[in-house]
Amino acid sequence: MKNDQKIEVSKNELLLMIQDAVERGVATALSMHPRPSSVNFEQAAEMLRLSSKTVSNMVRQGRINLNKLGRISIAEIDRLLSAKRFI
């Protein structure tokens, strides 16, 4: 059986539908692979695409903050990644 019916939606409605689908997809992915609350210097370097030495230097300079355990929080990684230039 062939269905020739067309559904019409406005551009804004389509964008909202796409945004909703993306948000649900991201939520599903995060629930399946939860991120750690903090990472060590080597993991941070990999996430930031920097060397461990550069990450150590940035910590020493106060450009990357450590948590009470001496690790780098994921919130700190997100802050750095959202900055246009963090080096």
PDB file of N, CA and C in Angstrom:
ATOM      1  N   MET A   1       0.844  -1.178   0.000  1.00  0.00           N
ATOM      2  CA  MET A   1       0.000   0.000   0.000  1.00  0.00           C
ATOM      3  C   MET A   1       0.887   1.237   0.000  1.00  0.00           C
ATOM      4  N   LYS A   2       0.647   2.120  -0.939  1.00  0.00           N
ATOM      5  CA  LYS A   2       1.455   3.329  -1.067  1.00  0.00           C
ATOM      6  C   LYS A   2       0.758   4.485  -0.367  1.00  0.00           C
ATOM      7  N   ASN A   3       1.527   5.233   0.427  1.00  0.00           N
ATOM      8  CA  ASN A   3       0.970   6.364   1.156  1.00  0.00           C
ATOM      9  C   ASN A   3       1.527   7.643   0.555  1.00  0.00           C
ATOM     10  N   ASP A   4       0.680   8.387  -0.145  1.00  0.00           N
ATOM     11  CA  ASP A   4       1.118   9.622  -0.800  1.00  0.00           C
ATOM     12  C   ASP A   4       0.829  10.862   0.022  1.00  0.00           C
ATOM     13  N   GLN A   5       0.447  10.699   1.270  1.00  0.00           N
ATOM     14  CA  GLN A   5       0.136  11.862   2.095  1.00  0.00           C
ATOM     15  C   GLN A   5       1.413  12.612   2.437  1.00  0.00           C
ATOM     16  N   LYS A   6       1.314  13.926   2.405  1.00  0.00           N
ATOM     17  CA  LYS A   6       2.448  14.773   2.772  1.00  0.00           C
ATOM     18  C   LYS A   6       2.126  15.483   4.073  1.00  0.00           C
ATOM     19  N   ILE A   7       3.142  15.631   4.880  1.00  0.00           N
ATOM     20  CA  ILE A   7       3.008  16.362   6.128  1.00  0.00           C
ATOM     21  C   ILE A   7       3.744  17.675   5.955  1.00  0.00           C
ATOM     22  N   GLU A   8       3.064  18.755   6.246  1.00  0.00           N
ATOM     23  CA  GLU A   8       3.697  20.064   6.119  1.00  0.00           C
ATOM     24  C   GLU A   8       3.985  20.624   7.505  1.00  0.00           C
ATOM     25  N   VAL A   9       5.211  21.077   7.689  1.00  0.00           N
ATOM     26  CA  VAL A   9       5.612  21.743   8.929  1.00  0.00           C
ATOM     27  C   VAL A   9       6.414  22.978   8.559  1.00  0.00           C
ATOM     28  N   SER A  10       6.353  23.959   9.427  1.00  0.00           N
ATOM     29  CA  SER A  10       7.123  25.176   9.170  1.00  0.00           C
ATOM     30  C   SER A  10       8.597  24.915   9.464  1.00  0.00           C
ATOM     31  N   LYS A  11       9.419  25.816   9.002  1.00  0.00           N
ATOM     32  CA  LYS A  11      10.859  25.703   9.252  1.00  0.00           C
ATOM     33  C   LYS A  11      11.133  25.688  10.754  1.00  0.00           C
ATOM     34  N   ASN A  12      10.467  26.553  11.513  1.00  0.00           N
ATOM     35  CA  ASN A  12      10.674  26.604  12.970  1.00  0.00           C
ATOM     36  C   ASN A  12      10.233  25.316  13.646  1.00  0.00           C
ATOM     37  N   GLU A  13       9.099  24.755  13.192  1.00  0.00           N
ATOM     38  CA  GLU A  13       8.640  23.484  13.760  1.00  0.00           C
ATOM     39  C   GLU A  13       9.642  22.370  13.480  1.00  0.00           C
ATOM     40  N   LEU A  14      10.174  22.355  12.265  1.00  0.00           N
ATOM     41  CA  LEU A  14      11.163  21.344  11.904  1.00  0.00           C
ATOM     42  C   LEU A  14      12.422  21.489  12.752  1.00  0.00           C
ATOM     43  N   LEU A  15      12.884  22.723  12.938  1.00  0.00           N
ATOM     44  CA  LEU A  15      14.072  22.954  13.765  1.00  0.00           C
ATOM     45  C   LEU A  15      13.841  22.504  15.199  1.00  0.00           C
ATOM     46  N   LEU A  16      12.645  22.771  15.742  1.00  0.00           N
ATOM     47  CA  LEU A  16      12.331  22.325  17.103  1.00  0.00           C
ATOM     48  C   LEU A  16      12.291  20.803  17.192  1.00  0.00           C
ATOM     49  N   MET A  17      11.762  20.150  16.171  1.00  0.00           N
ATOM     50  CA  MET A  17      11.727  18.686  16.153  1.00  0.00           C
ATOM     51  C   MET A  17      13.138  18.112  16.108  1.00  0.00           C
ATOM     52  N   ILE A  18      13.993  18.709  15.299  1.00  0.00           N
ATOM     53  CA  ILE A  18      15.381  18.249  15.201  1.00  0.00           C
ATOM     54  C   ILE A  18      16.100  18.469  16.520  1.00  0.00           C
ATOM     55  N   GLN A  19      15.928  19.655  17.118  1.00  0.00           N
ATOM     56  CA  GLN A  19      16.576  19.960  18.393  1.00  0.00           C
ATOM     57  C   GLN A  19      16.126  18.974  19.469  1.00  0.00           C
ATOM     58  N   ASP A  20      14.838  18.670  19.512  1.00  0.00           N
ATOM     59  CA  ASP A  20      14.321  17.720  20.495  1.00  0.00           C
ATOM     60  C   ASP A  20      14.934  16.335  20.292  1.00  0.00           C
ATOM     61  N   ALA A  21      15.027  15.906  19.040  1.00  0.00           N
ATOM     62  CA  ALA A  21      15.614  14.595  18.747  1.00  0.00           C
ATOM     63  C   ALA A  21      17.084  14.543  19.153  1.00  0.00           C
ATOM     64  N   VAL A  22      17.815  15.614  18.884  1.00  0.00           N
ATOM     65  CA  VAL A  22      19.237  15.665  19.257  1.00  0.00           C
ATOM     66  C   VAL A  22      19.384  15.620  20.773  1.00  0.00           C
ATOM     67  N   GLU A  23      18.579  16.409  21.486  1.00  0.00           N
ATOM     68  CA  GLU A  23      18.661  16.432  22.950  1.00  0.00           C
ATOM     69  C   GLU A  23      18.350  15.060  23.544  1.00  0.00           C
ATOM     70  N   ARG A  24      17.352  14.375  22.998  1.00  0.00           N
ATOM     71  CA  ARG A  24      17.032  13.028  23.487  1.00  0.00           C
ATOM     72  C   ARG A  24      18.163  12.055  23.182  1.00  0.00           C
ATOM     73  N   GLY A  25      18.771  12.201  22.008  1.00  0.00           N
ATOM     74  CA  GLY A  25      19.894  11.335  21.646  1.00  0.00           C
ATOM     75  C   GLY A  25      21.092  11.540  22.550  1.00  0.00           C
ATOM     76  N   VAL A  26      21.397  12.792  22.850  1.00  0.00           N
ATOM     77  CA  VAL A  26      22.522  13.097  23.740  1.00  0.00           C
ATOM     78  C   VAL A  26      22.243  12.554  25.136  1.00  0.00           C
ATOM     79  N   ALA A  27      21.026  12.754  25.627  1.00  0.00           N
ATOM     80  CA  ALA A  27      20.674  12.246  26.959  1.00  0.00           C
ATOM     81  C   ALA A  27      20.808  10.726  27.016  1.00  0.00           C
ATOM     82  N   THR A  28      20.377  10.056  25.969  1.00  0.00           N
ATOM     83  CA  THR A  28      20.500   8.595  25.914  1.00  0.00           C
ATOM     84  C   THR A  28      21.962   8.171  25.913  1.00  0.00           C
ATOM     85  N   ALA A  29      22.772   8.838  25.092  1.00  0.00           N
ATOM     86  CA  ALA A  29      24.200   8.492  25.021  1.00  0.00           C
ATOM     87  C   ALA A  29      24.889   8.716  26.359  1.00  0.00           C
ATOM     88  N   LEU A  30      24.579   9.836  27.018  1.00  0.00           N
ATOM     89  CA  LEU A  30      25.211  10.116  28.313  1.00  0.00           C
ATOM     90  C   LEU A  30      24.779   9.116  29.377  1.00  0.00           C
ATOM     91  N   SER A  31      23.535   8.673  29.317  1.00  0.00           N
ATOM     92  CA  SER A  31      23.084   7.705  30.322  1.00  0.00           C
ATOM     93  C   SER A  31      23.734   6.340  30.102  1.00  0.00           C
ATOM     94  N   MET A  32      24.092   6.042  28.868  1.00  0.00           N
ATOM     95  CA  MET A  32      24.732   4.765  28.572  1.00  0.00           C
ATOM     96  C   MET A  32      26.230   4.803  28.865  1.00  0.00           C
ATOM     97  N   HIS A  33      26.833   5.954  28.715  1.00  0.00           N
ATOM     98  CA  HIS A  33      28.267   6.124  28.931  1.00  0.00           C
ATOM     99  C   HIS A  33      28.492   7.348  29.815  1.00  0.00           C
ATOM    100  N   PRO A  34      28.207   7.228  31.109  1.00  0.00           N
ATOM    101  CA  PRO A  34      28.358   8.397  31.972  1.00  0.00           C
ATOM    102  C   PRO A  34      29.810   8.863  32.034  1.00  0.00           C
ATOM    103  N   ARG A  35      29.976  10.172  32.078  1.00  0.00           N
ATOM    104  CA  ARG A  35      31.323  10.730  32.160  1.00  0.00           C
ATOM    105  C   ARG A  35      31.773  10.732  33.619  1.00  0.00           C
ATOM    106  N   PRO A  36      33.063  10.585  33.850  1.00  0.00           N
ATOM    107  CA  PRO A  36      33.558  10.661  35.233  1.00  0.00           C
ATOM    108  C   PRO A  36      33.438  12.096  35.733  1.00  0.00           C
ATOM    109  N   SER A  37      33.429  12.268  37.043  1.00  0.00           N
ATOM    110  CA  SER A  37      33.332  13.621  37.592  1.00  0.00           C
ATOM    111  C   SER A  37      34.658  14.363  37.503  1.00  0.00           C
ATOM    112  N   SER A  38      35.761  13.619  37.439  1.00  0.00           N
ATOM    113  CA  SER A  38      37.077  14.255  37.316  1.00  0.00           C
ATOM    114  C   SER A  38      38.037  13.304  36.612  1.00  0.00           C
ATOM    115  N   VAL A  39      39.141  13.883  36.125  1.00  0.00           N
ATOM    116  CA  VAL A  39      40.137  13.097  35.388  1.00  0.00           C
ATOM    117  C   VAL A  39      41.537  13.464  35.864  1.00  0.00           C
ATOM    118  N   ASN A  40      42.497  12.592  35.560  1.00  0.00           N
ATOM    119  CA  ASN A  40      43.887  12.896  35.901  1.00  0.00           C
ATOM    120  C   ASN A  40      44.501  13.754  34.789  1.00  0.00           C
ATOM    121  N   PHE A  41      45.751  14.143  34.960  1.00  0.00           N
ATOM    122  CA  PHE A  41      46.412  15.037  34.008  1.00  0.00           C
ATOM    123  C   PHE A  41      46.492  14.422  32.612  1.00  0.00           C
ATOM    124  N   GLU A  42      46.805  13.133  32.542  1.00  0.00           N
ATOM    125  CA  GLU A  42      46.937  12.475  31.245  1.00  0.00           C
ATOM    126  C   GLU A  42      45.602  12.421  30.509  1.00  0.00           C
ATOM    127  N   GLN A  43      44.541  12.110  31.240  1.00  0.00           N
ATOM    128  CA  GLN A  43      43.215  12.069  30.629  1.00  0.00           C
ATOM    129  C   GLN A  43      42.788  13.463  30.173  1.00  0.00           C
ATOM    130  N   ALA A  44      43.073  14.464  31.003  1.00  0.00           N
ATOM    131  CA  ALA A  44      42.741  15.846  30.640  1.00  0.00           C
ATOM    132  C   ALA A  44      43.496  16.257  29.386  1.00  0.00           C
ATOM    133  N   ALA A  45      44.769  15.891  29.316  1.00  0.00           N
ATOM    134  CA  ALA A  45      45.579  16.231  28.143  1.00  0.00           C
ATOM    135  C   ALA A  45      44.974  15.620  26.885  1.00  0.00           C
ATOM    136  N   GLU A  46      44.552  14.380  26.978  1.00  0.00           N
ATOM    137  CA  GLU A  46      43.938  13.716  25.819  1.00  0.00           C
ATOM    138  C   GLU A  46      42.645  14.416  25.414  1.00  0.00           C
ATOM    139  N   MET A  47      41.814  14.759  26.391  1.00  0.00           N
ATOM    140  CA  MET A  47      40.540  15.413  26.102  1.00  0.00           C
ATOM    141  C   MET A  47      40.734  16.799  25.500  1.00  0.00           C
ATOM    142  N   LEU A  48      41.785  17.488  25.941  1.00  0.00           N
ATOM    143  CA  LEU A  48      42.055  18.846  25.464  1.00  0.00           C
ATOM    144  C   LEU A  48      42.969  18.870  24.245  1.00  0.00           C
ATOM    145  N   ARG A  49      43.456  17.690  23.861  1.00  0.00           N
ATOM    146  CA  ARG A  49      44.401  17.556  22.743  1.00  0.00           C
ATOM    147  C   ARG A  49      45.669  18.380  22.997  1.00  0.00           C
ATOM    148  N   LEU A  50      46.177  18.214  24.205  1.00  0.00           N
ATOM    149  CA  LEU A  50      47.415  18.865  24.623  1.00  0.00           C
ATOM    150  C   LEU A  50      48.343  17.797  25.189  1.00  0.00           C
ATOM    151  N   SER A  51      49.583  18.175  25.432  1.00  0.00           N
ATOM    152  CA  SER A  51      50.496  17.251  26.100  1.00  0.00           C
ATOM    153  C   SER A  51      50.260  17.329  27.608  1.00  0.00           C
ATOM    154  N   SER A  52      50.665  16.284  28.309  1.00  0.00           N
ATOM    155  CA  SER A  52      50.556  16.289  29.774  1.00  0.00           C
ATOM    156  C   SER A  52      51.383  17.420  30.367  1.00  0.00           C
ATOM    157  N   LYS A  53      52.537  17.699  29.759  1.00  0.00           N
ATOM    158  CA  LYS A  53      53.391  18.782  30.242  1.00  0.00           C
ATOM    159  C   LYS A  53      52.675  20.129  30.134  1.00  0.00           C
ATOM    160  N   THR A  54      51.966  20.357  29.029  1.00  0.00           N
ATOM    161  CA  THR A  54      51.224  21.611  28.867  1.00  0.00           C
ATOM    162  C   THR A  54      50.127  21.721  29.914  1.00  0.00           C
ATOM    163  N   VAL A  55      49.425  20.624  30.168  1.00  0.00           N
ATOM    164  CA  VAL A  55      48.385  20.630  31.199  1.00  0.00           C
ATOM    165  C   VAL A  55      49.006  20.935  32.556  1.00  0.00           C
ATOM    166  N   SER A  56      50.137  20.311  32.873  1.00  0.00           N
ATOM    167  CA  SER A  56      50.825  20.582  34.145  1.00  0.00           C
ATOM    168  C   SER A  56      51.213  22.050  34.251  1.00  0.00           C
ATOM    169  N   ASN A  57      51.733  22.607  33.165  1.00  0.00           N
ATOM    170  CA  ASN A  57      52.106  24.028  33.166  1.00  0.00           C
ATOM    171  C   ASN A  57      50.889  24.920  33.380  1.00  0.00           C
ATOM    172  N   MET A  58      49.780  24.588  32.750  1.00  0.00           N
ATOM    173  CA  MET A  58      48.563  25.388  32.904  1.00  0.00           C
ATOM    174  C   MET A  58      48.029  25.312  34.332  1.00  0.00           C
ATOM    175  N   VAL A  59      48.161  24.154  34.970  1.00  0.00           N
ATOM    176  CA  VAL A  59      47.758  24.023  36.377  1.00  0.00           C
ATOM    177  C   VAL A  59      48.654  24.898  37.240  1.00  0.00           C
ATOM    178  N   ARG A  60      49.962  24.810  37.013  1.00  0.00           N
ATOM    179  CA  ARG A  60      50.922  25.601  37.785  1.00  0.00           C
ATOM    180  C   ARG A  60      50.662  27.100  37.629  1.00  0.00           C
ATOM    181  N   GLN A  61      50.268  27.530  36.429  1.00  0.00           N
ATOM    182  CA  GLN A  61      49.994  28.941  36.152  1.00  0.00           C
ATOM    183  C   GLN A  61      48.619  29.385  36.657  1.00  0.00           C
ATOM    184  N   GLY A  62      47.831  28.446  37.156  1.00  0.00           N
ATOM    185  CA  GLY A  62      46.496  28.782  37.648  1.00  0.00           C
ATOM    186  C   GLY A  62      45.448  28.874  36.552  1.00  0.00           C
ATOM    187  N   ARG A  63      45.769  28.406  35.365  1.00  0.00           N
ATOM    188  CA  ARG A  63      44.820  28.465  34.250  1.00  0.00           C
ATOM    189  C   ARG A  63      43.888  27.262  34.228  1.00  0.00           C
ATOM    190  N   ILE A  64      44.271  26.200  34.938  1.00  0.00           N
ATOM    191  CA  ILE A  64      43.414  25.032  35.142  1.00  0.00           C
ATOM    192  C   ILE A  64      43.346  24.801  36.642  1.00  0.00           C
ATOM    193  N   ASN A  65      42.122  24.709  37.155  1.00  0.00           N
ATOM    194  CA  ASN A  65      41.923  24.499  38.587  1.00  0.00           C
ATOM    195  C   ASN A  65      41.792  23.016  38.905  1.00  0.00           C
ATOM    196  N   LEU A  66      42.329  22.626  40.042  1.00  0.00           N
ATOM    197  CA  LEU A  66      42.217  21.248  40.520  1.00  0.00           C
ATOM    198  C   LEU A  66      41.141  21.167  41.587  1.00  0.00           C
ATOM    199  N   ASN A  67      40.531  19.984  41.716  1.00  0.00           N
ATOM    200  CA  ASN A  67      39.583  19.790  42.806  1.00  0.00           C
ATOM    201  C   ASN A  67      40.346  19.392  44.071  1.00  0.00           C
ATOM    202  N   LYS A  68      39.629  19.085  45.129  1.00  0.00           N
ATOM    203  CA  LYS A  68      40.265  18.764  46.413  1.00  0.00           C
ATOM    204  C   LYS A  68      41.105  17.490  46.368  1.00  0.00           C
ATOM    205  N   LEU A  69      40.861  16.662  45.369  1.00  0.00           N
ATOM    206  CA  LEU A  69      41.620  15.419  45.233  1.00  0.00           C
ATOM    207  C   LEU A  69      42.833  15.574  44.325  1.00  0.00           C
ATOM    208  N   GLY A  70      43.066  16.796  43.841  1.00  0.00           N
ATOM    209  CA  GLY A  70      44.197  17.036  42.950  1.00  0.00           C
ATOM    210  C   GLY A  70      43.938  16.592  41.523  1.00  0.00           C
ATOM    211  N   ARG A  71      42.666  16.421  41.191  1.00  0.00           N
ATOM    212  CA  ARG A  71      42.284  16.020  39.836  1.00  0.00           C
ATOM    213  C   ARG A  71      41.592  17.189  39.142  1.00  0.00           C
ATOM    214  N   ILE A  72      41.374  17.058  37.855  1.00  0.00           N
ATOM    215  CA  ILE A  72      40.740  18.111  37.068  1.00  0.00           C
ATOM    216  C   ILE A  72      39.285  17.713  36.840  1.00  0.00           C
ATOM    217  N   SER A  73      38.370  18.585  37.254  1.00  0.00           N
ATOM    218  CA  SER A  73      36.952  18.256  37.126  1.00  0.00           C
ATOM    219  C   SER A  73      36.514  18.312  35.665  1.00  0.00           C
ATOM    220  N   ILE A  74      35.489  17.552  35.359  1.00  0.00           N
ATOM    221  CA  ILE A  74      34.928  17.571  34.007  1.00  0.00           C
ATOM    222  C   ILE A  74      34.358  18.952  33.708  1.00  0.00           C
ATOM    223  N   ALA A  75      33.824  19.626  34.712  1.00  0.00           N
ATOM    224  CA  ALA A  75      33.324  20.993  34.503  1.00  0.00           C
ATOM    225  C   ALA A  75      34.458  21.909  34.051  1.00  0.00           C
ATOM    226  N   GLU A  76      35.647  21.701  34.595  1.00  0.00           N
ATOM    227  CA  GLU A  76      36.817  22.493  34.193  1.00  0.00           C
ATOM    228  C   GLU A  76      37.207  22.163  32.749  1.00  0.00           C
ATOM    229  N   ILE A  77      37.153  20.895  32.389  1.00  0.00           N
ATOM    230  CA  ILE A  77      37.434  20.489  31.004  1.00  0.00           C
ATOM    231  C   ILE A  77      36.422  21.140  30.066  1.00  0.00           C
ATOM    232  N   ASP A  78      35.143  21.082  30.425  1.00  0.00           N
ATOM    233  CA  ASP A  78      34.099  21.688  29.596  1.00  0.00           C
ATOM    234  C   ASP A  78      34.313  23.191  29.452  1.00  0.00           C
ATOM    235  N   ARG A  79      34.712  23.835  30.542  1.00  0.00           N
ATOM    236  CA  ARG A  79      34.970  25.281  30.501  1.00  0.00           C
ATOM    237  C   ARG A  79      36.081  25.586  29.501  1.00  0.00           C
ATOM    238  N   LEU A  80      37.143  24.811  29.555  1.00  0.00           N
ATOM    239  CA  LEU A  80      38.270  25.031  28.647  1.00  0.00           C
ATOM    240  C   LEU A  80      37.894  24.735  27.199  1.00  0.00           C
ATOM    241  N   LEU A  81      37.149  23.678  26.977  1.00  0.00           N
ATOM    242  CA  LEU A  81      36.760  23.331  25.614  1.00  0.00           C
ATOM    243  C   LEU A  81      35.804  24.355  25.008  1.00  0.00           C
ATOM    244  N   SER A  82      34.994  24.983  25.851  1.00  0.00           N
ATOM    245  CA  SER A  82      34.051  25.977  25.330  1.00  0.00           C
ATOM    246  C   SER A  82      34.715  27.323  25.055  1.00  0.00           C
ATOM    247  N   ALA A  83      35.902  27.537  25.644  1.00  0.00           N
ATOM    248  CA  ALA A  83      36.639  28.777  25.377  1.00  0.00           C
ATOM    249  C   ALA A  83      37.200  28.712  23.960  1.00  0.00           C
ATOM    250  N   LYS A  84      37.212  29.842  23.288  1.00  0.00           N
ATOM    251  CA  LYS A  84      37.726  29.843  21.915  1.00  0.00           C
ATOM    252  C   LYS A  84      39.217  29.567  21.881  1.00  0.00           C
ATOM    253  N   ARG A  85      39.947  30.167  22.810  1.00  0.00           N
ATOM    254  CA  ARG A  85      41.393  29.926  22.918  1.00  0.00           C
ATOM    255  C   ARG A  85      41.718  29.735  24.383  1.00  0.00           C
ATOM    256  N   PHE A  86      42.232  28.578  24.742  1.00  0.00           N
ATOM    257  CA  PHE A  86      42.559  28.364  26.152  1.00  0.00           C
ATOM    258  C   PHE A  86      44.039  28.207  26.386  1.00  0.00           C
ATOM    259  N   ILE A  87      44.839  28.201  25.339  1.00  0.00           N
ATOM    260  CA  ILE A  87      46.289  28.071  25.524  1.00  0.00           C
ATOM    261  C   ILE A  87      46.903  29.447  25.581  1.00  0.00           C
TER     262      ILE A  87
END
